[in-house]
Amino acid sequence: QLQLVDSGGGLVQPGGSLRLSCAATGYTLNYYAIGWFRQAPGKEREGILCSSMSGSVVNFVDSVNGRFAISRDNAKNTVYLQMNSLKPEDSAVYYCAARTSLFRPCSPDPTDFDSWGQGTQVTVSS
C-alpha cells in the first residue's frame, strides 16, 4: 500500500522560502501523477502544482507561477514543493497526493487523487 508523508512546513516571514517534502513508501512514485494541494481555513482544497508520470509539470494556480516549483527525486521516492517569495495568503495546510491509477494525467480535482499525505502547516507571517 502506498503511503505518503508530508514534511517541511513551518512559520516563515513574508518573502521567505520553504521546501516541502513528500516521501513515499510501499510503491514507487514513478508511474503516478503527484500533486500538491493546499487548504486554508474556511476554503476548499485547491490543486497547486502537479508532476505527471512523464515529468511534465502543470500549474493550476496563477498566483504561484514563478514562485513555486515541483520536482521529483526518483532515487529517494520523494516529491518536493519549493516555495519562494512566500506571501501571507499562501498560509494553509499543504498536502501531497498520488493518483494511483496507472498513467493517469494530472488534475486539479482533489477527488481524482486517492493517496494522501497527512498535511503540513505553512504559516507566512511577520
N, C-alpha and C. Protein backbone atom coordinates (compact mmCIF):
# COMPACT_ATOMS: atom_id res chain seq x y z
N GLN A 1 0.85 -1.19 0.00
CA GLN A 1 0.00 0.00 0.00
C GLN A 1 0.89 1.24 0.00
N LEU A 2 0.53 2.19 -0.87
CA LEU A 2 1.30 3.42 -0.94
C LEU A 2 1.00 4.30 0.25
N GLN A 3 2.04 4.79 0.90
CA GLN A 3 1.89 5.74 1.99
C GLN A 3 2.74 6.97 1.70
N LEU A 4 2.16 8.13 1.95
CA LEU A 4 2.84 9.40 1.71
C LEU A 4 2.99 10.14 3.03
N VAL A 5 4.15 10.73 3.24
CA VAL A 5 4.41 11.52 4.45
C VAL A 5 4.90 12.90 4.03
N ASP A 6 4.09 13.91 4.40
CA ASP A 6 4.46 15.30 4.12
C ASP A 6 5.30 15.85 5.26
N SER A 7 6.24 16.71 4.91
CA SER A 7 7.03 17.38 5.94
C SER A 7 7.60 18.68 5.37
N GLY A 8 8.14 19.50 6.27
CA GLY A 8 8.84 20.70 5.84
C GLY A 8 8.10 22.00 6.08
N GLY A 9 6.89 21.93 6.57
CA GLY A 9 6.16 23.16 6.83
C GLY A 9 6.70 23.89 8.05
N GLY A 10 6.15 25.07 8.28
CA GLY A 10 6.58 25.86 9.43
C GLY A 10 6.14 27.30 9.31
N LEU A 11 6.69 28.10 10.19
CA LEU A 11 6.41 29.54 10.21
C LEU A 11 7.54 30.26 9.48
N VAL A 12 7.18 31.12 8.54
CA VAL A 12 8.18 31.84 7.76
C VAL A 12 7.69 33.26 7.55
N GLN A 13 8.62 34.19 7.46
CA GLN A 13 8.25 35.58 7.22
C GLN A 13 7.91 35.80 5.75
N PRO A 14 7.10 36.79 5.46
CA PRO A 14 6.83 37.11 4.05
C PRO A 14 8.12 37.32 3.27
N GLY A 15 8.14 36.76 2.07
CA GLY A 15 9.34 36.82 1.24
C GLY A 15 10.28 35.66 1.45
N GLY A 16 10.04 34.84 2.47
CA GLY A 16 10.89 33.71 2.76
C GLY A 16 10.60 32.50 1.89
N SER A 17 11.33 31.42 2.17
CA SER A 17 11.21 30.20 1.37
C SER A 17 11.05 28.99 2.28
N LEU A 18 10.41 27.99 1.74
CA LEU A 18 10.30 26.68 2.38
C LEU A 18 10.36 25.62 1.30
N ARG A 19 10.84 24.45 1.67
CA ARG A 19 10.76 23.31 0.77
C ARG A 19 10.02 22.18 1.48
N LEU A 20 8.91 21.82 0.90
CA LEU A 20 8.12 20.71 1.43
C LEU A 20 8.55 19.41 0.76
N SER A 21 8.49 18.34 1.54
CA SER A 21 8.83 17.02 1.02
C SER A 21 7.64 16.09 1.14
N CYS A 22 7.56 15.18 0.20
CA CYS A 22 6.52 14.15 0.20
C CYS A 22 7.24 12.83 -0.04
N ALA A 23 7.46 12.10 1.02
CA ALA A 23 8.20 10.84 0.94
C ALA A 23 7.23 9.68 0.84
N ALA A 24 7.49 8.79 -0.10
CA ALA A 24 6.58 7.67 -0.35
C ALA A 24 7.21 6.36 0.07
N THR A 25 6.39 5.48 0.59
CA THR A 25 6.78 4.11 0.86
C THR A 25 5.71 3.18 0.33
N GLY A 26 6.12 1.96 0.04
CA GLY A 26 5.16 0.96 -0.41
C GLY A 26 5.19 0.74 -1.90
N TYR A 27 5.22 1.82 -2.66
CA TYR A 27 5.27 1.74 -4.11
C TYR A 27 6.12 2.88 -4.64
N THR A 28 6.67 2.67 -5.81
CA THR A 28 7.41 3.75 -6.44
C THR A 28 6.45 4.79 -7.00
N LEU A 29 6.86 6.05 -6.91
CA LEU A 29 6.03 7.12 -7.43
C LEU A 29 6.20 7.33 -8.94
N ASN A 30 7.11 6.60 -9.54
CA ASN A 30 7.47 6.86 -10.93
C ASN A 30 6.28 6.81 -11.88
N TYR A 31 5.28 5.99 -11.58
CA TYR A 31 4.20 5.76 -12.53
C TYR A 31 2.92 6.53 -12.20
N TYR A 32 3.03 7.43 -11.23
CA TYR A 32 1.84 8.14 -10.77
C TYR A 32 1.97 9.64 -10.99
N ALA A 33 0.85 10.26 -11.27
CA ALA A 33 0.80 11.71 -11.19
C ALA A 33 0.79 12.11 -9.71
N ILE A 34 1.61 13.09 -9.37
CA ILE A 34 1.73 13.55 -7.99
C ILE A 34 1.38 15.03 -7.93
N GLY A 35 0.46 15.35 -7.08
CA GLY A 35 0.03 16.74 -6.95
C GLY A 35 0.29 17.30 -5.56
N TRP A 36 0.46 18.61 -5.54
CA TRP A 36 0.48 19.34 -4.28
C TRP A 36 -0.79 20.16 -4.19
N PHE A 37 -1.45 20.08 -3.04
CA PHE A 37 -2.69 20.80 -2.79
C PHE A 37 -2.52 21.62 -1.51
N ARG A 38 -3.40 22.57 -1.33
CA ARG A 38 -3.41 23.31 -0.08
C ARG A 38 -4.84 23.65 0.30
N GLN A 39 -5.02 23.82 1.60
CA GLN A 39 -6.34 24.16 2.11
C GLN A 39 -6.20 25.16 3.24
N ALA A 40 -6.73 26.34 3.01
CA ALA A 40 -6.74 27.37 4.04
C ALA A 40 -8.04 27.27 4.84
N PRO A 41 -8.06 27.79 6.06
CA PRO A 41 -9.28 27.71 6.88
C PRO A 41 -10.48 28.31 6.16
N GLY A 42 -11.57 27.56 6.13
CA GLY A 42 -12.79 28.04 5.52
C GLY A 42 -12.82 27.98 4.00
N LYS A 43 -11.78 27.43 3.40
CA LYS A 43 -11.71 27.35 1.95
C LYS A 43 -11.62 25.90 1.49
N GLU A 44 -11.94 25.69 0.23
CA GLU A 44 -11.84 24.35 -0.33
C GLU A 44 -10.37 24.02 -0.62
N ARG A 45 -10.10 22.73 -0.65
CA ARG A 45 -8.76 22.29 -1.02
C ARG A 45 -8.54 22.57 -2.50
N GLU A 46 -7.40 23.17 -2.82
CA GLU A 46 -7.13 23.51 -4.20
C GLU A 46 -5.83 22.88 -4.68
N GLY A 47 -5.84 22.47 -5.93
CA GLY A 47 -4.62 21.96 -6.54
C GLY A 47 -3.70 23.09 -6.92
N ILE A 48 -2.40 22.92 -6.66
CA ILE A 48 -1.42 23.97 -6.95
C ILE A 48 -0.56 23.58 -8.14
N LEU A 49 0.18 22.50 -7.97
CA LEU A 49 1.08 22.02 -9.00
C LEU A 49 0.97 20.51 -9.06
N CYS A 50 1.25 19.98 -10.23
CA CYS A 50 1.20 18.54 -10.41
C CYS A 50 2.34 18.11 -11.32
N SER A 51 2.96 16.99 -10.97
CA SER A 51 4.00 16.40 -11.80
C SER A 51 3.46 15.11 -12.38
N SER A 52 3.42 15.03 -13.70
CA SER A 52 2.89 13.83 -14.34
C SER A 52 3.94 12.72 -14.32
N MET A 53 3.52 11.55 -14.73
CA MET A 53 4.42 10.41 -14.80
C MET A 53 5.61 10.70 -15.71
N SER A 54 5.36 11.44 -16.77
CA SER A 54 6.43 11.75 -17.72
C SER A 54 7.37 12.84 -17.22
N GLY A 55 6.98 13.47 -16.12
CA GLY A 55 7.81 14.53 -15.56
C GLY A 55 7.36 15.92 -15.94
N SER A 56 6.36 16.02 -16.79
CA SER A 56 5.85 17.35 -17.12
C SER A 56 5.11 17.93 -15.93
N VAL A 57 5.11 19.25 -15.86
CA VAL A 57 4.53 19.94 -14.71
C VAL A 57 3.34 20.78 -15.15
N VAL A 58 2.28 20.71 -14.37
CA VAL A 58 1.09 21.51 -14.63
C VAL A 58 0.87 22.43 -13.44
N ASN A 59 0.67 23.70 -13.74
CA ASN A 59 0.42 24.71 -12.71
C ASN A 59 -1.06 25.08 -12.75
N PHE A 60 -1.75 24.93 -11.62
CA PHE A 60 -3.18 25.19 -11.58
C PHE A 60 -3.53 26.53 -10.94
N VAL A 61 -2.57 27.19 -10.35
CA VAL A 61 -2.83 28.44 -9.62
C VAL A 61 -1.90 29.51 -10.14
N ASP A 62 -2.44 30.54 -10.77
CA ASP A 62 -1.62 31.59 -11.36
C ASP A 62 -0.78 32.31 -10.31
N SER A 63 -1.30 32.44 -9.11
CA SER A 63 -0.61 33.24 -8.09
C SER A 63 0.71 32.63 -7.64
N VAL A 64 0.93 31.35 -7.91
CA VAL A 64 2.21 30.73 -7.51
C VAL A 64 3.18 30.62 -8.67
N ASN A 65 2.74 31.02 -9.83
CA ASN A 65 3.58 30.92 -11.02
C ASN A 65 4.86 31.72 -10.82
N GLY A 66 6.00 31.08 -11.04
CA GLY A 66 7.28 31.74 -10.86
C GLY A 66 7.79 31.74 -9.43
N ARG A 67 6.95 31.32 -8.49
CA ARG A 67 7.38 31.28 -7.08
C ARG A 67 7.49 29.85 -6.55
N PHE A 68 6.63 28.97 -6.99
CA PHE A 68 6.60 27.58 -6.52
C PHE A 68 7.08 26.66 -7.64
N ALA A 69 7.71 25.56 -7.24
CA ALA A 69 8.16 24.58 -8.21
C ALA A 69 8.04 23.19 -7.61
N ILE A 70 7.64 22.25 -8.44
CA ILE A 70 7.54 20.86 -8.03
C ILE A 70 8.65 20.06 -8.70
N SER A 71 9.21 19.11 -7.96
CA SER A 71 10.26 18.29 -8.53
C SER A 71 10.21 16.90 -7.91
N ARG A 72 10.81 15.96 -8.61
CA ARG A 72 10.87 14.57 -8.14
C ARG A 72 12.31 14.14 -7.96
N ASP A 73 12.54 13.32 -6.96
CA ASP A 73 13.79 12.59 -6.81
C ASP A 73 13.41 11.11 -6.79
N ASN A 74 13.49 10.49 -7.95
CA ASN A 74 13.03 9.09 -8.05
C ASN A 74 13.88 8.15 -7.21
N ALA A 75 15.15 8.46 -7.06
CA ALA A 75 16.01 7.61 -6.25
C ALA A 75 15.58 7.59 -4.80
N LYS A 76 15.03 8.72 -4.33
CA LYS A 76 14.57 8.80 -2.95
C LYS A 76 13.06 8.57 -2.84
N ASN A 77 12.42 8.36 -3.99
CA ASN A 77 10.96 8.17 -4.00
C ASN A 77 10.26 9.33 -3.27
N THR A 78 10.70 10.53 -3.60
CA THR A 78 10.24 11.73 -2.91
C THR A 78 9.91 12.82 -3.93
N VAL A 79 8.88 13.57 -3.62
CA VAL A 79 8.50 14.73 -4.43
C VAL A 79 8.60 15.97 -3.54
N TYR A 80 9.06 17.05 -4.13
CA TYR A 80 9.28 18.28 -3.38
C TYR A 80 8.41 19.41 -3.91
N LEU A 81 8.12 20.34 -3.03
CA LEU A 81 7.50 21.60 -3.42
C LEU A 81 8.38 22.72 -2.88
N GLN A 82 9.09 23.37 -3.77
CA GLN A 82 9.92 24.52 -3.40
C GLN A 82 9.05 25.77 -3.49
N MET A 83 9.00 26.49 -2.39
CA MET A 83 8.16 27.69 -2.32
C MET A 83 9.04 28.89 -1.99
N ASN A 84 9.07 29.84 -2.87
CA ASN A 84 9.85 31.06 -2.69
C ASN A 84 8.95 32.27 -2.67
N SER A 85 9.48 33.38 -2.18
CA SER A 85 8.73 34.64 -2.13
C SER A 85 7.35 34.43 -1.52
N LEU A 86 7.32 33.77 -0.40
CA LEU A 86 6.05 33.43 0.22
C LEU A 86 5.28 34.66 0.68
N LYS A 87 3.97 34.56 0.60
CA LYS A 87 3.06 35.64 0.96
C LYS A 87 2.11 35.15 2.05
N PRO A 88 1.56 36.06 2.84
CA PRO A 88 0.61 35.62 3.87
C PRO A 88 -0.55 34.80 3.30
N GLU A 89 -0.98 35.10 2.10
CA GLU A 89 -2.09 34.36 1.51
C GLU A 89 -1.71 32.94 1.09
N ASP A 90 -0.43 32.59 1.19
CA ASP A 90 -0.01 31.22 0.95
C ASP A 90 -0.18 30.33 2.19
N SER A 91 -0.53 30.95 3.31
CA SER A 91 -0.71 30.17 4.54
C SER A 91 -1.84 29.17 4.37
N ALA A 92 -1.55 27.93 4.71
CA ALA A 92 -2.52 26.85 4.54
C ALA A 92 -1.88 25.54 5.02
N VAL A 93 -2.68 24.51 5.07
CA VAL A 93 -2.15 23.16 5.21
C VAL A 93 -1.89 22.64 3.81
N TYR A 94 -0.68 22.15 3.60
CA TYR A 94 -0.27 21.66 2.29
C TYR A 94 -0.23 20.13 2.31
N TYR A 95 -0.75 19.55 1.25
CA TYR A 95 -0.83 18.10 1.12
C TYR A 95 -0.22 17.66 -0.21
N CYS A 96 0.47 16.55 -0.18
CA CYS A 96 0.78 15.89 -1.45
C CYS A 96 -0.18 14.74 -1.64
N ALA A 97 -0.38 14.36 -2.87
CA ALA A 97 -1.32 13.29 -3.19
C ALA A 97 -0.87 12.59 -4.45
N ALA A 98 -1.19 11.31 -4.53
CA ALA A 98 -0.86 10.50 -5.70
C ALA A 98 -2.13 10.01 -6.36
N ARG A 99 -2.10 10.03 -7.66
CA ARG A 99 -3.19 9.46 -8.44
C ARG A 99 -2.74 8.07 -8.83
N THR A 100 -3.22 7.05 -8.10
CA THR A 100 -2.61 5.72 -8.20
C THR A 100 -3.18 4.86 -9.32
N SER A 101 -4.08 5.39 -10.09
CA SER A 101 -4.44 4.69 -11.32
C SER A 101 -3.32 4.94 -12.31
N LEU A 102 -2.74 3.86 -12.82
CA LEU A 102 -1.55 3.99 -13.65
C LEU A 102 -1.78 4.87 -14.86
N PHE A 103 -0.79 5.73 -15.11
CA PHE A 103 -0.73 6.53 -16.33
C PHE A 103 -1.85 7.56 -16.45
N ARG A 104 -2.47 7.88 -15.35
CA ARG A 104 -3.50 8.91 -15.38
C ARG A 104 -2.83 10.28 -15.37
N PRO A 105 -3.43 11.27 -16.05
CA PRO A 105 -2.80 12.59 -16.13
C PRO A 105 -3.01 13.40 -14.87
N CYS A 106 -2.33 14.54 -14.82
CA CYS A 106 -2.54 15.48 -13.74
C CYS A 106 -3.96 16.04 -13.76
N SER A 107 -4.39 16.46 -12.59
CA SER A 107 -5.73 17.01 -12.45
C SER A 107 -5.75 17.97 -11.26
N PRO A 108 -6.52 19.06 -11.35
CA PRO A 108 -6.64 19.96 -10.19
C PRO A 108 -7.69 19.50 -9.19
N ASP A 109 -8.40 18.44 -9.51
CA ASP A 109 -9.51 17.98 -8.70
C ASP A 109 -9.01 17.02 -7.63
N PRO A 110 -9.14 17.40 -6.35
CA PRO A 110 -8.66 16.50 -5.29
C PRO A 110 -9.31 15.11 -5.32
N THR A 111 -10.53 15.03 -5.84
CA THR A 111 -11.21 13.73 -5.84
C THR A 111 -10.60 12.75 -6.84
N ASP A 112 -9.74 13.23 -7.71
CA ASP A 112 -9.05 12.34 -8.65
C ASP A 112 -7.83 11.67 -8.02
N PHE A 113 -7.47 12.08 -6.82
CA PHE A 113 -6.29 11.55 -6.15
C PHE A 113 -6.73 10.68 -4.98
N ASP A 114 -6.12 9.53 -4.82
CA ASP A 114 -6.63 8.57 -3.84
C ASP A 114 -5.63 8.18 -2.77
N SER A 115 -4.45 8.76 -2.79
CA SER A 115 -3.49 8.51 -1.72
C SER A 115 -2.94 9.85 -1.28
N TRP A 116 -3.05 10.14 0.02
CA TRP A 116 -2.75 11.47 0.54
C TRP A 116 -1.76 11.44 1.69
N GLY A 117 -0.91 12.46 1.71
CA GLY A 117 -0.12 12.68 2.91
C GLY A 117 -0.98 13.27 4.00
N GLN A 118 -0.41 13.38 5.18
CA GLN A 118 -1.17 13.84 6.33
C GLN A 118 -1.29 15.36 6.38
N GLY A 119 -0.52 16.05 5.57
CA GLY A 119 -0.55 17.50 5.54
C GLY A 119 0.51 18.12 6.42
N THR A 120 0.97 19.30 6.02
CA THR A 120 1.96 20.04 6.80
C THR A 120 1.56 21.51 6.77
N GLN A 121 1.59 22.14 7.94
CA GLN A 121 1.11 23.51 8.06
C GLN A 121 2.19 24.49 7.60
N VAL A 122 1.78 25.43 6.76
CA VAL A 122 2.65 26.53 6.35
C VAL A 122 1.98 27.83 6.80
N THR A 123 2.70 28.61 7.58
CA THR A 123 2.20 29.90 8.05
C THR A 123 3.18 30.98 7.65
N VAL A 124 2.69 31.95 6.91
CA VAL A 124 3.52 33.06 6.45
C VAL A 124 3.06 34.31 7.19
N SER A 125 3.91 34.79 8.07
CA SER A 125 3.53 35.91 8.92
C SER A 125 4.78 36.60 9.47
N SER A 126 4.65 37.90 9.65
CA SER A 126 5.75 38.64 10.27
C SER A 126 5.53 38.75 11.77
